[in-house]
Amino acid sequence: MVRCPDQSESHVSLEQTTFRPLQRYEQIAERLAADIRSGLLAPGSRLPSERELARTLEVSRASVREALAALQLQGVVETRKGAGTFVTARPPAPEEPAHDASPSAVLEARAQLEPCVARLAAARGQRDEAAENLLAAMEAEPVDIATWNTSDRLFHRQLAAMTQNPVLLAFADHVAGLMDQPLWQRLRDDSIAVAGRTRIHVAEHRMIYEAIVAGDAEAAAFYSLQHINRVRAYMELS
């Protein structure tokens, strides 16, 4: 039973870096950027592996993965399949830019909120034309990733609309905005690049929706949490 909550090829050695224990992915990204700006990590250098960075920084691999993805979006590093992550450019001096929300934090919040949303929507037990149209857009072949991502984001928002509770819808609007940020989209696109994964996600979406329409609150909540856990695993944030 799902319960709603009570609330260059050279590899720079770790000894050469200035790493200290950190927590947020933004801090990890800025620490790496600082070492690149200082020349400690020169263009062409290979970074330590995610596992090594996580162990040295005393953080999760998920946080390291998010930090590296953020630096990739800035064009500072690039990941070469089977070779590792390499420095490509010196980042500009920090200007306290607005950061994307951590995808791990987004998924943690969704795991708390969305099963409860599905449960309440099932209490209404009504079909929803907008949700069905979004499902149809995700089921269309061939898959267009941009359309799929937009439909996926709006589908989860529409489930909140099906609760008929404007406060929950406001929360869902905020989460939908976070899922439109570049870092989320980068990790999400990587996660669904494997053939068949979009089909699995859509099948889970339909199971959530049909459980809601059938008024089966327990099944709706269960499928919702199961789906979020799969998203986390595919994004390698578990």
Protein backbone atom coordinates (compact mmCIF):
# COMPACT_ATOMS: atom_id res chain seq x y z
CA MET A 1 0.00 0.00 0.00
CA VAL A 2 1.39 3.40 -0.98
CA ARG A 3 0.83 5.91 1.80
CA CYS A 4 0.80 9.67 1.39
CA PRO A 5 3.51 11.28 3.52
CA ASP A 6 3.06 13.04 6.79
CA GLN A 7 4.81 15.82 5.63
CA SER A 8 43.81 15.86 -22.68
CA GLU A 9 44.03 12.15 -21.94
CA SER A 10 46.05 12.97 -18.82
CA HIS A 11 44.16 12.03 -15.70
CA VAL A 12 44.58 14.59 -12.92
CA SER A 13 45.10 12.80 -9.61
CA LEU A 14 42.71 13.40 -6.74
CA GLU A 15 45.62 14.52 -4.54
CA GLN A 16 46.23 17.51 -6.87
CA THR A 17 42.73 18.88 -6.54
CA THR A 18 41.28 21.23 -3.95
CA PHE A 19 38.15 19.14 -3.28
CA ARG A 20 36.41 19.39 0.08
CA PRO A 21 33.20 17.71 1.28
CA LEU A 22 30.22 19.34 -0.49
CA GLN A 23 26.50 18.76 -0.71
CA ARG A 24 24.66 20.57 -3.52
CA TYR A 25 25.37 19.80 -7.16
CA GLU A 26 25.88 23.54 -7.79
CA GLN A 27 28.74 23.53 -5.27
CA ILE A 28 30.32 20.52 -6.92
CA ALA A 29 30.05 22.13 -10.37
CA GLU A 30 31.56 25.38 -9.10
CA ARG A 31 34.42 23.55 -7.35
CA LEU A 32 35.30 21.78 -10.61
CA ALA A 33 34.90 25.04 -12.52
CA ALA A 34 37.24 26.80 -10.07
CA ASP A 35 39.89 24.12 -10.58
CA ILE A 36 39.51 24.52 -14.35
CA ARG A 37 39.78 28.32 -14.15
CA SER A 38 42.92 28.01 -12.01
CA GLY A 39 44.55 25.65 -14.51
CA LEU A 40 44.60 22.72 -12.12
CA LEU A 41 42.27 20.94 -14.53
CA ALA A 42 43.49 22.02 -17.98
CA PRO A 43 41.56 21.74 -21.26
CA GLY A 44 42.01 18.18 -22.51
CA SER A 45 42.37 16.75 -19.01
CA ARG A 46 40.25 13.79 -18.03
CA LEU A 47 38.28 14.20 -14.83
CA PRO A 48 38.17 11.49 -12.18
CA SER A 49 35.27 9.08 -12.60
CA GLU A 50 31.88 9.76 -11.04
CA ARG A 51 32.62 7.11 -8.44
CA GLU A 52 35.99 8.68 -7.53
CA LEU A 53 34.51 12.17 -7.33
CA ALA A 54 31.65 11.00 -5.17
CA ARG A 55 34.03 9.23 -2.77
CA THR A 56 36.42 12.18 -2.56
CA LEU A 57 33.72 14.82 -2.18
CA GLU A 58 31.72 12.64 0.20
CA VAL A 59 28.55 13.13 -1.82
CA SER A 60 26.26 10.88 -3.81
CA ARG A 61 27.01 9.86 -7.38
CA ALA A 62 23.67 11.42 -8.30
CA SER A 63 24.94 14.86 -7.19
CA VAL A 64 28.16 14.35 -9.14
CA ARG A 65 26.19 13.30 -12.22
CA GLU A 66 24.03 16.43 -11.98
CA ALA A 67 27.11 18.65 -11.56
CA LEU A 68 28.79 17.16 -14.63
CA ALA A 69 25.59 17.52 -16.64
CA ALA A 70 25.41 21.20 -15.64
CA LEU A 71 29.01 21.74 -16.78
CA GLN A 72 28.23 19.95 -20.06
CA LEU A 73 25.35 22.36 -20.66
CA GLN A 74 27.82 25.23 -20.19
CA GLY A 75 30.22 23.65 -22.69
CA VAL A 76 32.93 23.32 -20.03
CA VAL A 77 33.26 19.53 -20.15
CA GLU A 78 32.24 16.76 -22.49
CA THR A 79 31.62 13.07 -21.91
CA ARG A 80 33.09 10.63 -24.41
CA LYS A 81 31.44 7.25 -24.31
CA GLY A 82 33.79 4.65 -22.93
CA ALA A 83 36.54 7.20 -22.28
CA GLY A 84 35.30 9.49 -19.52
CA THR A 85 34.65 13.18 -18.99
CA PHE A 86 37.12 15.75 -20.33
CA VAL A 87 37.67 19.48 -19.88
CA THR A 88 36.89 21.39 -23.09
CA ALA A 89 37.07 25.05 -22.06
CA ARG A 90 37.73 27.41 -19.20
CA PRO A 91 34.47 28.57 -17.60
CA PRO A 92 33.86 32.29 -17.01
CA ALA A 93 34.26 33.75 -13.55
CA PRO A 94 31.27 32.96 -11.31
CA GLU A 95 28.47 35.52 -11.37
CA GLU A 96 26.04 33.83 -8.99
CA PRO A 97 23.78 32.67 -11.86
CA ALA A 98 20.37 31.17 -11.28
CA HIS A 99 20.74 27.39 -11.16
CA ASP A 100 18.36 24.72 -12.32
CA ALA A 101 16.66 22.79 -9.57
CA SER A 102 18.42 19.53 -8.81
CA PRO A 103 16.69 16.68 -10.69
CA SER A 104 17.20 14.51 -7.59
CA ALA A 105 15.29 17.07 -5.52
CA VAL A 106 12.55 17.27 -8.15
CA LEU A 107 12.12 13.49 -8.11
CA GLU A 108 12.16 13.36 -4.33
CA ALA A 109 9.38 15.94 -4.19
CA ARG A 110 7.41 14.18 -6.92
CA ALA A 111 7.62 10.89 -5.04
CA GLN A 112 6.00 12.59 -2.06
CA LEU A 113 3.35 14.52 -3.99
CA GLU A 114 2.27 12.58 -7.06
CA PRO A 115 1.01 9.33 -5.48
CA CYS A 116 -1.24 11.46 -3.26
CA VAL A 117 -2.39 13.43 -6.30
CA ALA A 118 -3.22 10.18 -8.10
CA ARG A 119 -5.10 8.93 -5.05
CA LEU A 120 -7.24 12.07 -4.84
CA ALA A 121 -7.86 12.14 -8.60
CA ALA A 122 -9.10 8.55 -8.34
CA ALA A 123 -11.61 9.69 -5.72
CA ARG A 124 -13.16 11.80 -8.51
CA GLY A 125 -13.00 8.85 -10.94
CA GLN A 126 -13.62 10.79 -14.13
CA ARG A 127 -12.20 10.57 -17.64
CA ASP A 128 -10.24 13.59 -18.84
CA GLU A 129 -9.98 14.59 -22.49
CA ALA A 130 -6.78 16.62 -22.03
CA ALA A 131 -4.99 13.71 -20.32
CA GLU A 132 -6.12 11.32 -23.07
CA ASN A 133 -4.85 13.69 -25.78
CA LEU A 134 -1.46 13.90 -24.06
CA LEU A 135 -1.29 10.10 -23.82
CA ALA A 136 -2.09 9.84 -27.53
CA ALA A 137 0.69 12.33 -28.35
CA MET A 138 3.20 10.23 -26.37
CA GLU A 139 2.03 7.01 -28.03
CA ALA A 140 2.44 8.43 -31.56
CA GLU A 141 5.04 6.83 -33.85
CA PRO A 142 7.72 7.73 -34.68
CA VAL A 143 8.60 9.30 -31.34
CA ASP A 144 9.44 13.00 -31.50
CA ILE A 145 11.49 13.67 -28.36
CA ALA A 146 10.54 17.35 -28.03
CA THR A 147 6.83 16.57 -28.33
CA TRP A 148 7.19 13.57 -26.03
CA ASN A 149 8.94 15.59 -23.32
CA THR A 150 6.34 18.35 -23.44
CA SER A 151 3.47 15.87 -23.34
CA ASP A 152 5.09 13.96 -20.47
CA ARG A 153 5.52 17.12 -18.42
CA LEU A 154 1.96 18.31 -19.07
CA PHE A 155 0.45 14.87 -18.45
CA HIS A 156 1.66 14.87 -14.86
CA ARG A 157 0.31 18.40 -14.45
CA GLN A 158 -3.04 17.28 -15.85
CA LEU A 159 -3.33 14.54 -13.25
CA ALA A 160 -3.24 17.30 -10.64
CA ALA A 161 -5.93 19.16 -12.57
CA MET A 162 -8.08 16.01 -12.31
CA THR A 163 -8.10 16.38 -8.51
CA GLN A 164 -10.12 19.59 -8.97
CA ASN A 165 -7.97 21.11 -6.23
CA PRO A 166 -6.43 24.46 -7.33
CA VAL A 167 -3.71 24.33 -4.65
CA LEU A 168 -2.44 20.95 -5.88
CA LEU A 169 -2.60 22.26 -9.44
CA ALA A 170 -0.42 25.23 -8.42
CA PHE A 171 2.15 22.81 -6.98
CA ALA A 172 2.02 20.76 -10.18
CA ASP A 173 2.50 23.91 -12.29
CA HIS A 174 5.68 24.64 -10.36
CA VAL A 175 6.98 21.09 -10.81
CA ALA A 176 6.14 21.24 -14.53
CA GLY A 177 8.26 24.37 -14.76
CA LEU A 178 11.18 22.60 -13.09
CA MET A 179 10.84 19.74 -15.58
CA ASP A 180 11.25 22.30 -18.39
CA GLN A 181 14.68 23.42 -17.14
CA PRO A 182 17.78 22.56 -19.22
CA LEU A 183 19.43 20.30 -16.64
CA TRP A 184 16.32 18.17 -16.21
CA GLN A 185 15.86 17.99 -19.98
CA ARG A 186 19.50 17.00 -20.48
CA LEU A 187 19.34 14.11 -18.05
CA ARG A 188 15.87 13.10 -19.18
CA ASP A 189 16.91 13.04 -22.86
CA ASP A 190 19.90 10.87 -21.98
CA SER A 191 17.68 8.55 -19.94
CA ILE A 192 15.18 7.89 -22.73
CA ALA A 193 17.76 7.55 -25.52
CA VAL A 194 17.71 3.78 -24.94
CA ALA A 195 15.25 2.15 -27.33
CA GLY A 196 11.93 1.19 -25.77
CA ARG A 197 12.13 3.37 -22.69
CA THR A 198 9.61 5.95 -23.87
CA ARG A 199 7.15 3.10 -24.52
CA ILE A 200 7.62 1.83 -20.96
CA HIS A 201 7.02 5.28 -19.53
CA VAL A 202 3.89 5.76 -21.61
CA ALA A 203 2.56 2.36 -20.56
CA GLU A 204 3.01 3.42 -16.94
CA HIS A 205 1.28 6.72 -17.63
CA ARG A 206 -1.71 4.86 -19.04
CA MET A 207 -1.83 2.51 -16.05
CA ILE A 208 -1.93 5.51 -13.69
CA TYR A 209 -4.63 7.19 -15.75
CA GLU A 210 -6.83 4.09 -16.11
CA ALA A 211 -6.58 3.38 -12.37
CA ILE A 212 -7.71 6.95 -11.69
CA VAL A 213 -10.64 6.66 -14.09
CA ALA A 214 -11.61 3.35 -12.50
CA GLY A 215 -11.60 4.99 -9.09
CA ASP A 216 -8.90 2.62 -7.80
CA ALA A 217 -6.97 4.94 -5.48
CA GLU A 218 -4.53 2.30 -4.22
CA ALA A 219 -3.55 1.20 -7.73
CA ALA A 220 -3.24 4.80 -8.94
CA ALA A 221 -0.90 5.70 -6.07
CA PHE A 222 1.12 2.50 -6.51
CA TYR A 223 1.60 2.97 -10.26
CA SER A 224 2.52 6.62 -9.73
CA LEU A 225 5.30 5.82 -7.27
CA GLN A 226 6.50 2.90 -9.40
CA HIS A 227 6.76 5.25 -12.38
CA ILE A 228 8.78 7.87 -10.49
CA ASN A 229 11.15 5.18 -9.21
CA ARG A 230 11.71 4.01 -12.78
CA VAL A 231 12.38 7.59 -13.94
CA ARG A 232 14.96 7.92 -11.15
CA ALA A 233 16.63 4.63 -12.16
CA TYR A 234 16.71 5.52 -15.87
CA MET A 235 18.21 8.94 -15.03
CA GLU A 236 20.77 7.08 -12.85
CA LEU A 237 19.80 9.15 -9.82
CA SER A 238 18.83 6.24 -7.56
